[in-house]
Amino acid sequence: MSSDRVLVYSSEDGMINKSSQPSAKASKRKKKRKIATPSPIKNPNKQGVRIMRESKGRGGKSVSVIAGLNLDKGELKTLSKTLKAQLGTGGAIKESNIEIQGDHREKLLKLLEKQGIKAKIAGG
């Protein structure tokens, strides 16, 4: 080897030069934490549950969206399952909102009232 070249790695010995080894500081870097942005709603407990119809981005097909439910994932999943079974339609849970296929706002309002959830129909 010439004198201007420095051996950094060898398959026999592994890392040779200490300067090429990763530093301890690099492995202890802190991960970036996401800062929670404050909600634009001042008092979400007073907002209530809204049932609205959306059709954007779905090829003209409409879905009924139930927004504003303050439930954990398990309760949200069981509520969604019972609503879909009672209406005989499909649906999904997206961003803590329940989406039911089709325009079933009136029926959903009655079903949610039976469950003890106070809701309002939003939109036109």
PDB file of N, CA and C in Angstrom:
ATOM      1  N   MET A   1       0.819  -1.184   0.000  1.00  0.00           N
ATOM      2  CA  MET A   1       0.000   0.000   0.000  1.00  0.00           C
ATOM      3  C   MET A   1       0.864   1.248   0.000  1.00  0.00           C
ATOM      4  N   SER A   2       0.342   2.269  -0.654  1.00  0.00           N
ATOM      5  CA  SER A   2       1.091   3.522  -0.667  1.00  0.00           C
ATOM      6  C   SER A   2       0.856   4.270   0.638  1.00  0.00           C
ATOM      7  N   SER A   3       1.677   5.246   0.916  1.00  0.00           N
ATOM      8  CA  SER A   3       1.619   5.959   2.187  1.00  0.00           C
ATOM      9  C   SER A   3       0.471   6.969   2.241  1.00  0.00           C
ATOM     10  N   ASP A   4      -0.082   7.392   1.081  1.00  0.00           N
ATOM     11  CA  ASP A   4      -1.169   8.362   1.110  1.00  0.00           C
ATOM     12  C   ASP A   4      -2.546   7.725   1.327  1.00  0.00           C
ATOM     13  N   ARG A   5      -2.616   6.429   1.288  1.00  0.00           N
ATOM     14  CA  ARG A   5      -3.873   5.722   1.526  1.00  0.00           C
ATOM     15  C   ARG A   5      -3.895   5.124   2.919  1.00  0.00           C
ATOM     16  N   VAL A   6      -5.067   5.190   3.558  1.00  0.00           N
ATOM     17  CA  VAL A   6      -5.216   4.662   4.905  1.00  0.00           C
ATOM     18  C   VAL A   6      -6.212   3.514   4.855  1.00  0.00           C
ATOM     19  N   LEU A   7      -5.847   2.398   5.432  1.00  0.00           N
ATOM     20  CA  LEU A   7      -6.716   1.233   5.479  1.00  0.00           C
ATOM     21  C   LEU A   7      -7.808   1.490   6.517  1.00  0.00           C
ATOM     22  N   VAL A   8      -9.049   1.405   6.091  1.00  0.00           N
ATOM     23  CA  VAL A   8     -10.174   1.684   6.962  1.00  0.00           C
ATOM     24  C   VAL A   8     -10.870   0.394   7.384  1.00  0.00           C
ATOM     25  N   TYR A   9     -11.021  -0.557   6.474  1.00  0.00           N
ATOM     26  CA  TYR A   9     -11.748  -1.786   6.763  1.00  0.00           C
ATOM     27  C   TYR A   9     -11.025  -2.951   6.105  1.00  0.00           C
ATOM     28  N   SER A  10     -10.963  -4.045   6.810  1.00  0.00           N
ATOM     29  CA  SER A  10     -10.388  -5.267   6.265  1.00  0.00           C
ATOM     30  C   SER A  10     -11.334  -6.398   6.605  1.00  0.00           C
ATOM     31  N   SER A  11     -11.514  -7.320   5.684  1.00  0.00           N
ATOM     32  CA  SER A  11     -12.428  -8.433   5.932  1.00  0.00           C
ATOM     33  C   SER A  11     -11.878  -9.370   6.999  1.00  0.00           C
ATOM     34  N   GLU A  12     -10.569  -9.322   7.252  1.00  0.00           N
ATOM     35  CA  GLU A  12      -9.973 -10.165   8.290  1.00  0.00           C
ATOM     36  C   GLU A  12     -10.123  -9.549   9.678  1.00  0.00           C
ATOM     37  N   ASP A  13      -9.951  -8.239   9.766  1.00  0.00           N
ATOM     38  CA  ASP A  13      -9.908  -7.594  11.063  1.00  0.00           C
ATOM     39  C   ASP A  13     -11.132  -6.739  11.374  1.00  0.00           C
ATOM     40  N   GLY A  14     -11.953  -6.416  10.407  1.00  0.00           N
ATOM     41  CA  GLY A  14     -13.088  -5.536  10.631  1.00  0.00           C
ATOM     42  C   GLY A  14     -12.650  -4.089  10.579  1.00  0.00           C
ATOM     43  N   MET A  15     -13.176  -3.246  11.449  1.00  0.00           N
ATOM     44  CA  MET A  15     -12.819  -1.836  11.476  1.00  0.00           C
ATOM     45  C   MET A  15     -11.377  -1.678  11.954  1.00  0.00           C
ATOM     46  N   ILE A  16     -10.617  -0.895  11.221  1.00  0.00           N
ATOM     47  CA  ILE A  16      -9.215  -0.706  11.551  1.00  0.00           C
ATOM     48  C   ILE A  16      -8.981   0.657  12.183  1.00  0.00           C
ATOM     49  N   ASN A  17      -9.456   1.697  11.532  1.00  0.00           N
ATOM     50  CA  ASN A  17      -9.192   3.062  11.938  1.00  0.00           C
ATOM     51  C   ASN A  17     -10.258   3.519  12.924  1.00  0.00           C
ATOM     52  N   LYS A  18      -9.850   4.078  14.047  1.00  0.00           N
ATOM     53  CA  LYS A  18     -10.816   4.531  15.047  1.00  0.00           C
ATOM     54  C   LYS A  18     -11.674   5.683  14.541  1.00  0.00           C
ATOM     55  N   SER A  19     -11.141   6.514  13.681  1.00  0.00           N
ATOM     56  CA  SER A  19     -11.902   7.648  13.179  1.00  0.00           C
ATOM     57  C   SER A  19     -13.052   7.208  12.277  1.00  0.00           C
ATOM     58  N   SER A  20     -12.981   6.009  11.718  1.00  0.00           N
ATOM     59  CA  SER A  20     -14.058   5.539  10.850  1.00  0.00           C
ATOM     60  C   SER A  20     -15.150   4.827  11.627  1.00  0.00           C
ATOM     61  N   GLN A  21     -14.915   4.553  12.921  1.00  0.00           N
ATOM     62  CA  GLN A  21     -15.924   3.893  13.727  1.00  0.00           C
ATOM     63  C   GLN A  21     -17.000   4.890  14.129  1.00  0.00           C
ATOM     64  N   PRO A  22     -18.250   4.453  14.213  1.00  0.00           N
ATOM     65  CA  PRO A  22     -19.313   5.370  14.618  1.00  0.00           C
ATOM     66  C   PRO A  22     -19.097   5.815  16.056  1.00  0.00           C
ATOM     67  N   SER A  23     -19.329   7.059  16.300  1.00  0.00           N
ATOM     68  CA  SER A  23     -19.126   7.598  17.643  1.00  0.00           C
ATOM     69  C   SER A  23     -20.283   7.215  18.560  1.00  0.00           C
ATOM     70  N   ALA A  24     -20.016   7.258  19.837  1.00  0.00           N
ATOM     71  CA  ALA A  24     -21.050   6.939  20.818  1.00  0.00           C
ATOM     72  C   ALA A  24     -22.139   7.996  20.814  1.00  0.00           C
ATOM     73  N   LYS A  25     -21.773   9.232  20.476  1.00  0.00           N
ATOM     74  CA  LYS A  25     -22.753  10.312  20.432  1.00  0.00           C
ATOM     75  C   LYS A  25     -23.769  10.097  19.321  1.00  0.00           C
ATOM     76  N   ALA A  26     -23.336   9.548  18.194  1.00  0.00           N
ATOM     77  CA  ALA A  26     -24.236   9.335  17.065  1.00  0.00           C
ATOM     78  C   ALA A  26     -25.307   8.300  17.400  1.00  0.00           C
ATOM     79  N   SER A  27     -24.948   7.309  18.205  1.00  0.00           N
ATOM     80  CA  SER A  27     -25.931   6.275  18.538  1.00  0.00           C
ATOM     81  C   SER A  27     -26.911   6.733  19.609  1.00  0.00           C
ATOM     82  N   LYS A  28     -26.558   7.783  20.353  1.00  0.00           N
ATOM     83  CA  LYS A  28     -27.415   8.265  21.427  1.00  0.00           C
ATOM     84  C   LYS A  28     -28.233   9.484  21.022  1.00  0.00           C
ATOM     85  N   ARG A  29     -28.361   9.723  19.747  1.00  0.00           N
ATOM     86  CA  ARG A  29     -29.148  10.878  19.298  1.00  0.00           C
ATOM     87  C   ARG A  29     -30.596  10.725  19.713  1.00  0.00           C
ATOM     88  N   LYS A  30     -31.160  11.825  20.099  1.00  0.00           N
ATOM     89  CA  LYS A  30     -32.557  11.806  20.511  1.00  0.00           C
ATOM     90  C   LYS A  30     -33.454  11.798  19.289  1.00  0.00           C
ATOM     91  N   LYS A  31     -34.511  11.025  19.387  1.00  0.00           N
ATOM     92  CA  LYS A  31     -35.487  10.997  18.308  1.00  0.00           C
ATOM     93  C   LYS A  31     -36.348  12.249  18.400  1.00  0.00           C
ATOM     94  N   LYS A  32     -36.742  12.749  17.251  1.00  0.00           N
ATOM     95  CA  LYS A  32     -37.596  13.931  17.232  1.00  0.00           C
ATOM     96  C   LYS A  32     -38.974  13.553  17.747  1.00  0.00           C
ATOM     97  N   ARG A  33     -39.460  14.345  18.667  1.00  0.00           N
ATOM     98  CA  ARG A  33     -40.787  14.091  19.220  1.00  0.00           C
ATOM     99  C   ARG A  33     -41.778  15.014  18.536  1.00  0.00           C
ATOM    100  N   LYS A  34     -42.920  14.450  18.238  1.00  0.00           N
ATOM    101  CA  LYS A  34     -43.972  15.259  17.629  1.00  0.00           C
ATOM    102  C   LYS A  34     -44.681  16.040  18.727  1.00  0.00           C
ATOM    103  N   ILE A  35     -44.781  17.308  18.523  1.00  0.00           N
ATOM    104  CA  ILE A  35     -45.456  18.163  19.481  1.00  0.00           C
ATOM    105  C   ILE A  35     -46.934  18.196  19.135  1.00  0.00           C
ATOM    106  N   ALA A  36     -47.758  17.919  20.107  1.00  0.00           N
ATOM    107  CA  ALA A  36     -49.201  17.898  19.881  1.00  0.00           C
ATOM    108  C   ALA A  36     -49.688  19.324  19.646  1.00  0.00           C
ATOM    109  N   THR A  37     -50.363  19.501  18.515  1.00  0.00           N
ATOM    110  CA  THR A  37     -50.915  20.813  18.219  1.00  0.00           C
ATOM    111  C   THR A  37     -52.249  20.961  18.938  1.00  0.00           C
ATOM    112  N   PRO A  38     -52.516  22.123  19.459  1.00  0.00           N
ATOM    113  CA  PRO A  38     -53.792  22.301  20.150  1.00  0.00           C
ATOM    114  C   PRO A  38     -54.960  22.203  19.181  1.00  0.00           C
ATOM    115  N   SER A  39     -56.049  21.668  19.667  1.00  0.00           N
ATOM    116  CA  SER A  39     -57.237  21.488  18.841  1.00  0.00           C
ATOM    117  C   SER A  39     -57.886  22.840  18.551  1.00  0.00           C
ATOM    118  N   PRO A  40     -58.383  23.048  17.312  1.00  0.00           N
ATOM    119  CA  PRO A  40     -59.062  24.304  17.027  1.00  0.00           C
ATOM    120  C   PRO A  40     -60.400  24.419  17.753  1.00  0.00           C
ATOM    121  N   ILE A  41     -60.925  23.307  18.234  1.00  0.00           N
ATOM    122  CA  ILE A  41     -62.177  23.322  18.979  1.00  0.00           C
ATOM    123  C   ILE A  41     -61.850  23.681  20.424  1.00  0.00           C
ATOM    124  N   LYS A  42     -62.485  24.719  20.943  1.00  0.00           N
ATOM    125  CA  LYS A  42     -62.154  25.196  22.278  1.00  0.00           C
ATOM    126  C   LYS A  42     -62.619  24.226  23.363  1.00  0.00           C
ATOM    127  N   ASN A  43     -63.815  23.694  23.241  1.00  0.00           N
ATOM    128  CA  ASN A  43     -64.327  22.752  24.223  1.00  0.00           C
ATOM    129  C   ASN A  43     -64.947  21.574  23.484  1.00  0.00           C
ATOM    130  N   PRO A  44     -64.170  20.514  23.217  1.00  0.00           N
ATOM    131  CA  PRO A  44     -64.702  19.402  22.426  1.00  0.00           C
ATOM    132  C   PRO A  44     -65.830  18.650  23.111  1.00  0.00           C
ATOM    133  N   ASN A  45     -65.928  18.735  24.438  1.00  0.00           N
ATOM    134  CA  ASN A  45     -67.018  18.041  25.142  1.00  0.00           C
ATOM    135  C   ASN A  45     -68.373  18.648  24.830  1.00  0.00           C
ATOM    136  N   LYS A  46     -68.421  19.920  24.489  1.00  0.00           N
ATOM    137  CA  LYS A  46     -69.687  20.581  24.184  1.00  0.00           C
ATOM    138  C   LYS A  46     -70.048  20.511  22.696  1.00  0.00           C
ATOM    139  N   GLN A  47     -69.157  20.032  21.870  1.00  0.00           N
ATOM    140  CA  GLN A  47     -69.398  20.026  20.431  1.00  0.00           C
ATOM    141  C   GLN A  47     -70.442  18.988  20.027  1.00  0.00           C
ATOM    142  N   GLY A  48     -70.416  17.824  20.606  1.00  0.00           N
ATOM    143  CA  GLY A  48     -71.400  16.806  20.281  1.00  0.00           C
ATOM    144  C   GLY A  48     -71.016  15.988  19.060  1.00  0.00           C
ATOM    145  N   VAL A  49     -71.880  15.059  18.745  1.00  0.00           N
ATOM    146  CA  VAL A  49     -71.664  14.139  17.634  1.00  0.00           C
ATOM    147  C   VAL A  49     -72.408  14.662  16.419  1.00  0.00           C
ATOM    148  N   ARG A  50     -71.749  14.658  15.283  1.00  0.00           N
ATOM    149  CA  ARG A  50     -72.333  15.128  14.020  1.00  0.00           C
ATOM    150  C   ARG A  50     -72.399  13.971  13.027  1.00  0.00           C
ATOM    151  N   ILE A  51     -73.525  13.907  12.315  1.00  0.00           N
ATOM    152  CA  ILE A  51     -73.694  12.920  11.247  1.00  0.00           C
ATOM    153  C   ILE A  51     -73.788  13.703   9.950  1.00  0.00           C
ATOM    154  N   MET A  52     -72.852  13.454   9.038  1.00  0.00           N
ATOM    155  CA  MET A  52     -72.853  14.195   7.771  1.00  0.00           C
ATOM    156  C   MET A  52     -72.644  13.245   6.593  1.00  0.00           C
ATOM    157  N   ARG A  53     -73.021  13.733   5.434  1.00  0.00           N
ATOM    158  CA  ARG A  53     -72.865  12.953   4.203  1.00  0.00           C
ATOM    159  C   ARG A  53     -71.707  13.530   3.413  1.00  0.00           C
ATOM    160  N   GLU A  54     -70.811  12.652   2.946  1.00  0.00           N
ATOM    161  CA  GLU A  54     -69.677  13.063   2.123  1.00  0.00           C
ATOM    162  C   GLU A  54     -69.628  12.203   0.874  1.00  0.00           C
ATOM    163  N   SER A  55     -69.149  12.812  -0.209  1.00  0.00           N
ATOM    164  CA  SER A  55     -68.974  12.034  -1.436  1.00  0.00           C
ATOM    165  C   SER A  55     -67.687  12.409  -2.156  1.00  0.00           C
ATOM    166  N   LYS A  56     -66.884  13.296  -1.586  1.00  0.00           N
ATOM    167  CA  LYS A  56     -65.641  13.708  -2.237  1.00  0.00           C
ATOM    168  C   LYS A  56     -64.626  12.579  -2.220  1.00  0.00           C
ATOM    169  N   GLY A  57     -63.981  12.372  -3.348  1.00  0.00           N
ATOM    170  CA  GLY A  57     -62.925  11.382  -3.447  1.00  0.00           C
ATOM    171  C   GLY A  57     -63.402   9.952  -3.438  1.00  0.00           C
ATOM    172  N   ARG A  58     -64.673   9.731  -3.672  1.00  0.00           N
ATOM    173  CA  ARG A  58     -65.213   8.375  -3.639  1.00  0.00           C
ATOM    174  C   ARG A  58     -65.919   8.007  -4.937  1.00  0.00           C
ATOM    175  N   GLY A  59     -65.628   8.712  -5.997  1.00  0.00           N
ATOM    176  CA  GLY A  59     -66.231   8.403  -7.290  1.00  0.00           C
ATOM    177  C   GLY A  59     -67.718   8.689  -7.323  1.00  0.00           C
ATOM    178  N   GLY A  60     -68.187   9.670  -6.578  1.00  0.00           N
ATOM    179  CA  GLY A  60     -69.593  10.030  -6.572  1.00  0.00           C
ATOM    180  C   GLY A  60     -70.436   9.239  -5.599  1.00  0.00           C
ATOM    181  N   LYS A  61     -69.869   8.225  -4.981  1.00  0.00           N
ATOM    182  CA  LYS A  61     -70.619   7.429  -4.015  1.00  0.00           C
ATOM    183  C   LYS A  61     -70.594   8.128  -2.667  1.00  0.00           C
ATOM    184  N   SER A  62     -71.717   8.121  -1.988  1.00  0.00           N
ATOM    185  CA  SER A  62     -71.807   8.860  -0.729  1.00  0.00           C
ATOM    186  C   SER A  62     -71.624   7.924   0.466  1.00  0.00           C
ATOM    187  N   VAL A  63     -71.091   8.490   1.535  1.00  0.00           N
ATOM    188  CA  VAL A  63     -70.968   7.783   2.806  1.00  0.00           C
ATOM    189  C   VAL A  63     -71.504   8.698   3.904  1.00  0.00           C
ATOM    190  N   SER A  64     -72.005   8.099   4.936  1.00  0.00           N
ATOM    191  CA  SER A  64     -72.439   8.848   6.121  1.00  0.00           C
ATOM    192  C   SER A  64     -71.303   8.795   7.125  1.00  0.00           C
ATOM    193  N   VAL A  65     -70.842   9.956   7.562  1.00  0.00           N
ATOM    194  CA  VAL A  65     -69.717  10.043   8.486  1.00  0.00           C
ATOM    195  C   VAL A  65     -70.228  10.490   9.852  1.00  0.00           C
ATOM    196  N   ILE A  66     -69.874   9.733  10.878  1.00  0.00           N
ATOM    197  CA  ILE A  66     -70.209  10.086  12.249  1.00  0.00           C
ATOM    198  C   ILE A  66     -68.937  10.612  12.888  1.00  0.00           C
ATOM    199  N   ALA A  67     -68.909  11.904  13.176  1.00  0.00           N
ATOM    200  CA  ALA A  67     -67.719  12.553  13.731  1.00  0.00           C
ATOM    201  C   ALA A  67     -68.007  13.069  15.129  1.00  0.00           C
ATOM    202  N   GLY A  68     -66.952  13.196  15.928  1.00  0.00           N
ATOM    203  CA  GLY A  68     -67.077  13.776  17.252  1.00  0.00           C
ATOM    204  C   GLY A  68     -67.324  12.775  18.359  1.00  0.00           C
ATOM    205  N   LEU A  69     -67.138  11.499  18.074  1.00  0.00           N
ATOM    206  CA  LEU A  69     -67.321  10.490  19.120  1.00  0.00           C
ATOM    207  C   LEU A  69     -66.073  10.453  19.994  1.00  0.00           C
ATOM    208  N   ASN A  70     -66.238  10.622  21.285  1.00  0.00           N
ATOM    209  CA  ASN A  70     -65.116  10.569  22.216  1.00  0.00           C
ATOM    210  C   ASN A  70     -65.041   9.171  22.820  1.00  0.00           C
ATOM    211  N   LEU A  71     -64.717   8.183  21.983  1.00  0.00           N
ATOM    212  CA  LEU A  71     -64.634   6.793  22.419  1.00  0.00           C
ATOM    213  C   LEU A  71     -63.246   6.255  22.109  1.00  0.00           C
ATOM    214  N   ASP A  72     -62.821   5.242  22.857  1.00  0.00           N
ATOM    215  CA  ASP A  72     -61.553   4.612  22.525  1.00  0.00           C
ATOM    216  C   ASP A  72     -61.743   3.656  21.345  1.00  0.00           C
ATOM    217  N   LYS A  73     -60.656   3.094  20.855  1.00  0.00           N
ATOM    218  CA  LYS A  73     -60.709   2.294  19.630  1.00  0.00           C
ATOM    219  C   LYS A  73     -61.615   1.073  19.758  1.00  0.00           C
ATOM    220  N   GLY A  74     -61.585   0.421  20.901  1.00  0.00           N
ATOM    221  CA  GLY A  74     -62.414  -0.771  21.090  1.00  0.00           C
ATOM    222  C   GLY A  74     -63.899  -0.462  21.054  1.00  0.00           C
ATOM    223  N   GLU A  75     -64.298   0.581  21.779  1.00  0.00           N
ATOM    224  CA  GLU A  75     -65.709   0.970  21.802  1.00  0.00           C
ATOM    225  C   GLU A  75     -66.164   1.473  20.444  1.00  0.00           C
ATOM    226  N   LEU A  76     -65.271   2.189  19.745  1.00  0.00           N
ATOM    227  CA  LEU A  76     -65.581   2.700  18.419  1.00  0.00           C
ATOM    228  C   LEU A  76     -65.805   1.546  17.441  1.00  0.00           C
ATOM    229  N   LYS A  77     -64.986   0.513  17.571  1.00  0.00           N
ATOM    230  CA  LYS A  77     -65.094  -0.647  16.685  1.00  0.00           C
ATOM    231  C   LYS A  77     -66.393  -1.415  16.932  1.00  0.00           C
ATOM    232  N   THR A  78     -66.773  -1.598  18.196  1.00  0.00           N
ATOM    233  CA  THR A  78     -68.011  -2.328  18.484  1.00  0.00           C
ATOM    234  C   THR A  78     -69.236  -1.530  18.057  1.00  0.00           C
ATOM    235  N   LEU A  79     -69.208  -0.201  18.260  1.00  0.00           N
ATOM    236  CA  LEU A  79     -70.321   0.642  17.815  1.00  0.00           C
ATOM    237  C   LEU A  79     -70.450   0.593  16.304  1.00  0.00           C
ATOM    238  N   SER A  80     -69.336   0.666  15.613  1.00  0.00           N
ATOM    239  CA  SER A  80     -69.354   0.603  14.152  1.00  0.00           C
ATOM    240  C   SER A  80     -69.917  -0.726  13.667  1.00  0.00           C
ATOM    241  N   LYS A  81     -69.526  -1.785  14.324  1.00  0.00           N
ATOM    242  CA  LYS A  81     -69.994  -3.117  13.927  1.00  0.00           C
ATOM    243  C   LYS A  81     -71.504  -3.258  14.114  1.00  0.00           C
ATOM    244  N   THR A  82     -72.033  -2.756  15.228  1.00  0.00           N
ATOM    245  CA  THR A  82     -73.479  -2.861  15.458  1.00  0.00           C
ATOM    246  C   THR A  82     -74.259  -1.981  14.484  1.00  0.00           C
ATOM    247  N   LEU A  83     -73.748  -0.774  14.198  1.00  0.00           N
ATOM    248  CA  LEU A  83     -74.443   0.103  13.246  1.00  0.00           C
ATOM    249  C   LEU A  83     -74.454  -0.514  11.849  1.00  0.00           C
ATOM    250  N   LYS A  84     -73.344  -1.070  11.427  1.00  0.00           N
ATOM    251  CA  LYS A  84     -73.277  -1.686  10.096  1.00  0.00           C
ATOM    252  C   LYS A  84     -74.213  -2.895  10.004  1.00  0.00           C
ATOM    253  N   ALA A  85     -74.295  -3.663  11.087  1.00  0.00           N
ATOM    254  CA  ALA A  85     -75.171  -4.839  11.088  1.00  0.00           C
ATOM    255  C   ALA A  85     -76.640  -4.427  11.046  1.00  0.00           C
ATOM    256  N   GLN A  86     -77.007  -3.388  11.780  1.00  0.00           N
ATOM    257  CA  GLN A  86     -78.399  -2.949  11.815  1.00  0.00           C
ATOM    258  C   GLN A  86     -78.819  -2.306  10.498  1.00  0.00           C
ATOM    259  N   LEU A  87     -77.886  -1.665   9.805  1.00  0.00           N
ATOM    260  CA  LEU A  87     -78.210  -1.036   8.523  1.00  0.00           C
ATOM    261  C   LEU A  87     -77.999  -1.973   7.341  1.00  0.00           C
ATOM    262  N   GLY A  88     -77.236  -3.028   7.538  1.00  0.00           N
ATOM    263  CA  GLY A  88     -76.973  -3.968   6.450  1.00  0.00           C
ATOM    264  C   GLY A  88     -76.039  -3.395   5.400  1.00  0.00           C
ATOM    265  N   THR A  89     -75.095  -2.575   5.828  1.00  0.00           N
ATOM    266  CA  THR A  89     -74.145  -1.966   4.895  1.00  0.00           C
ATOM    267  C   THR A  89     -72.731  -2.164   5.414  1.00  0.00           C
ATOM    268  N   GLY A  90     -71.776  -1.741   4.608  1.00  0.00           N
ATOM    269  CA  GLY A  90     -70.375  -1.782   4.998  1.00  0.00           C
ATOM    270  C   GLY A  90     -69.947  -0.451   5.557  1.00  0.00           C
ATOM    271  N   GLY A  91     -68.727  -0.400   5.977  1.00  0.00           N
ATOM    272  CA  GLY A  91     -68.210   0.846   6.503  1.00  0.00           C
ATOM    273  C   GLY A  91     -66.802   0.679   7.016  1.00  0.00           C
ATOM    274  N   ALA A  92     -66.254   1.751   7.576  1.00  0.00           N
ATOM    275  CA  ALA A  92     -64.885   1.743   8.075  1.00  0.00           C
ATOM    276  C   ALA A  92     -64.740   2.767   9.185  1.00  0.00           C
ATOM    277  N   ILE A  93     -63.619   2.672   9.896  1.00  0.00           N
ATOM    278  CA  ILE A  93     -63.248   3.666  10.896  1.00  0.00           C
ATOM    279  C   ILE A  93     -62.002   4.365  10.389  1.00  0.00           C
ATOM    280  N   LYS A  94     -62.091   5.675  10.185  1.00  0.00           N
ATOM    281  CA  LYS A  94     -60.955   6.455   9.714  1.00  0.00           C
ATOM    282  C   LYS A  94     -60.817   7.703  10.569  1.00  0.00           C
ATOM    283  N   GLU A  95     -59.638   7.891  11.146  1.00  0.00           N
ATOM    284  CA  GLU A  95     -59.329   9.071  11.952  1.00  0.00           C
ATOM    285  C   GLU A  95     -60.351   9.278  13.060  1.00  0.00           C
ATOM    286  N   SER A  96     -60.697   8.251  13.774  1.00  0.00           N
ATOM    287  CA  SER A  96     -61.679   8.233  14.870  1.00  0.00           C
ATOM    288  C   SER A  96     -63.071   8.692  14.438  1.00  0.00           C
ATOM    289  N   ASN A  97     -63.372   8.570  13.140  1.00  0.00           N
ATOM    290  CA  ASN A  97     -64.711   8.805  12.601  1.00  0.00           C
ATOM    291  C   ASN A  97     -65.237   7.486  12.052  1.00  0.00           C
ATOM    292  N   ILE A  98     -66.528   7.272  12.178  1.00  0.00           N
ATOM    293  CA  ILE A  98     -67.147   6.077  11.602  1.00  0.00           C
ATOM    294  C   ILE A  98     -67.739   6.460  10.257  1.00  0.00           C
ATOM    295  N   GLU A  99     -67.368   5.716   9.216  1.00  0.00           N
ATOM    296  CA  GLU A  99     -67.919   5.943   7.880  1.00  0.00           C
ATOM    297  C   GLU A  99     -68.801   4.755   7.525  1.00  0.00           C
ATOM    298  N   ILE A 100     -70.060   5.046   7.197  1.00  0.00           N
ATOM    299  CA  ILE A 100     -71.029   4.024   6.803  1.00  0.00           C
ATOM    300  C   ILE A 100     -71.373   4.263   5.335  1.00  0.00           C
ATOM    301  N   GLN A 101     -71.313   3.204   4.536  1.00  0.00           N
ATOM    302  CA  GLN A 101     -71.586   3.345   3.102  1.00  0.00           C
ATOM    303  C   GLN A 101     -73.050   3.695   2.878  1.00  0.00           C
ATOM    304  N   GLY A 102     -73.280   4.706   2.034  1.00  0.00           N
ATOM    305  CA  GLY A 102     -74.642   5.130   1.703  1.00  0.00           C
ATOM    306  C   GLY A 102     -75.100   6.292   2.555  1.00  0.00           C
ATOM    307  N   ASP A 103     -76.222   6.881   2.142  1.00  0.00           N
ATOM    308  CA  ASP A 103     -76.792   8.015   2.871  1.00  0.00           C
ATOM    309  C   ASP A 103     -77.822   7.493   3.864  1.00  0.00           C
ATOM    310  N   HIS A 104     -77.405   7.282   5.114  1.00  0.00           N
ATOM    311  CA  HIS A 104     -78.266   6.739   6.160  1.00  0.00           C
ATOM    312  C   HIS A 104     -78.323   7.680   7.362  1.00  0.00           C
ATOM    313  N   ARG A 105     -78.311   8.968   7.123  1.00  0.00           N
ATOM    314  CA  ARG A 105     -78.227   9.930   8.222  1.00  0.00           C
ATOM    315  C   ARG A 105     -79.408   9.836   9.179  1.00  0.00           C
ATOM    316  N   GLU A 106     -80.619   9.769   8.656  1.00  0.00           N
ATOM    317  CA  GLU A 106     -81.811   9.706   9.518  1.00  0.00           C
ATOM    318  C   GLU A 106     -81.826   8.416  10.341  1.00  0.00           C
ATOM    319  N   LYS A 107     -81.515   7.301   9.688  1.00  0.00           N
ATOM    320  CA  LYS A 107     -81.505   6.021  10.391  1.00  0.00           C
ATOM    321  C   LYS A 107     -80.410   5.990  11.453  1.00  0.00           C
ATOM    322  N   LEU A 108     -79.257   6.553  11.127  1.00  0.00           N
ATOM    323  CA  LEU A 108     -78.153   6.593  12.084  1.00  0.00           C
ATOM    324  C   LEU A 108     -78.496   7.448  13.296  1.00  0.00           C
ATOM    325  N   LEU A 109     -79.209   8.536  13.060  1.00  0.00           N
ATOM    326  CA  LEU A 109     -79.619   9.400  14.159  1.00  0.00           C
ATOM    327  C   LEU A 109     -80.493   8.632  15.153  1.00  0.00           C
ATOM    328  N   LYS A 110     -81.442   7.860  14.640  1.00  0.00           N
ATOM    329  CA  LYS A 110     -82.321   7.071  15.504  1.00  0.00           C
ATOM    330  C   LYS A 110     -81.557   5.964  16.226  1.00  0.00           C
ATOM    331  N   LEU A 111     -80.645   5.298  15.509  1.00  0.00           N
ATOM    332  CA  LEU A 111     -79.875   4.214  16.115  1.00  0.00           C
ATOM    333  C   LEU A 111     -78.939   4.734  17.205  1.00  0.00           C
ATOM    334  N   LEU A 112     -78.338   5.889  16.981  1.00  0.00           N
ATOM    335  CA  LEU A 112     -77.450   6.456  17.992  1.00  0.00           C
ATOM    336  C   LEU A 112     -78.218   6.913  19.215  1.00  0.00           C
ATOM    337  N   GLU A 113     -79.433   7.418  19.022  1.00  0.00           N
ATOM    338  CA  GLU A 113     -80.264   7.818  20.166  1.00  0.00           C
ATOM    339  C   GLU A 113     -80.635   6.602  21.006  1.00  0.00           C
ATOM    340  N   LYS A 114     -80.868   5.452  20.349  1.00  0.00           N
ATOM    341  CA  LYS A 114     -81.158   4.223  21.090  1.00  0.00           C
ATOM    342  C   LYS A 114     -79.940   3.787  21.907  1.00  0.00           C
ATOM    343  N   GLN A 115     -78.748   4.072  21.390  1.00  0.00           N
ATOM    344  CA  GLN A 115     -77.507   3.728  22.096  1.00  0.00           C
ATOM    345  C   GLN A 115     -77.201   4.718  23.216  1.00  0.00           C
ATOM    346  N   GLY A 116     -77.946   5.822  23.284  1.00  0.00           N
ATOM    347  CA  GLY A 116     -77.725   6.822  24.305  1.00  0.00           C
ATOM    348  C   GLY A 116     -76.737   7.903  23.901  1.00  0.00           C
ATOM    349  N   ILE A 117     -76.503   8.043  22.611  1.00  0.00           N
ATOM    350  CA  ILE A 117     -75.566   9.047  22.106  1.00  0.00           C
ATOM    351  C   ILE A 117     -76.373  10.167  21.469  1.00  0.00           C
ATOM    352  N   LYS A 118     -76.204  11.374  21.954  1.00  0.00           N
ATOM    353  CA  LYS A 118     -76.913  12.538  21.417  1.00  0.00           C
ATOM    354  C   LYS A 118     -76.163  13.022  20.190  1.00  0.00           C
ATOM    355  N   ALA A 119     -76.848  13.074  19.045  1.00  0.00           N
ATOM    356  CA  ALA A 119     -76.214  13.443  17.788  1.00  0.00           C
ATOM    357  C   ALA A 119     -77.084  14.428  17.029  1.00  0.00           C
ATOM    358  N   LYS A 120     -76.466  15.117  16.060  1.00  0.00           N
ATOM    359  CA  LYS A 120     -77.170  16.040  15.193  1.00  0.00           C
ATOM    360  C   LYS A 120     -76.757  15.759  13.754  1.00  0.00           C
ATOM    361  N   ILE A 121     -77.681  16.054  12.830  1.00  0.00           N
ATOM    362  CA  ILE A 121     -77.363  15.936  11.410  1.00  0.00           C
ATOM    363  C   ILE A 121     -76.738  17.241  10.963  1.00  0.00           C
ATOM    364  N   ALA A 122     -75.582  17.141  10.333  1.00  0.00           N
ATOM    365  CA  ALA A 122     -74.862  18.326   9.864  1.00  0.00           C
ATOM    366  C   ALA A 122     -74.857  18.331   8.338  1.00  0.00           C
ATOM    367  N   GLY A 123     -74.805  19.520   7.773  1.00  0.00           N
ATOM    368  CA  GLY A 123     -74.769  19.642   6.316  1.00  0.00           C
ATOM    369  C   GLY A 123     -76.156  19.664   5.725  1.00  0.00           C
ATOM    370  N   GLY A 124     -76.210  19.768   4.390  1.00  0.00           N
ATOM    371  CA  GLY A 124     -77.501  19.899   3.729  1.00  0.00           C
ATOM    372  C   GLY A 124     -77.940  18.696   3.094  1.00  0.00           C
TER     373      GLY A 124
END
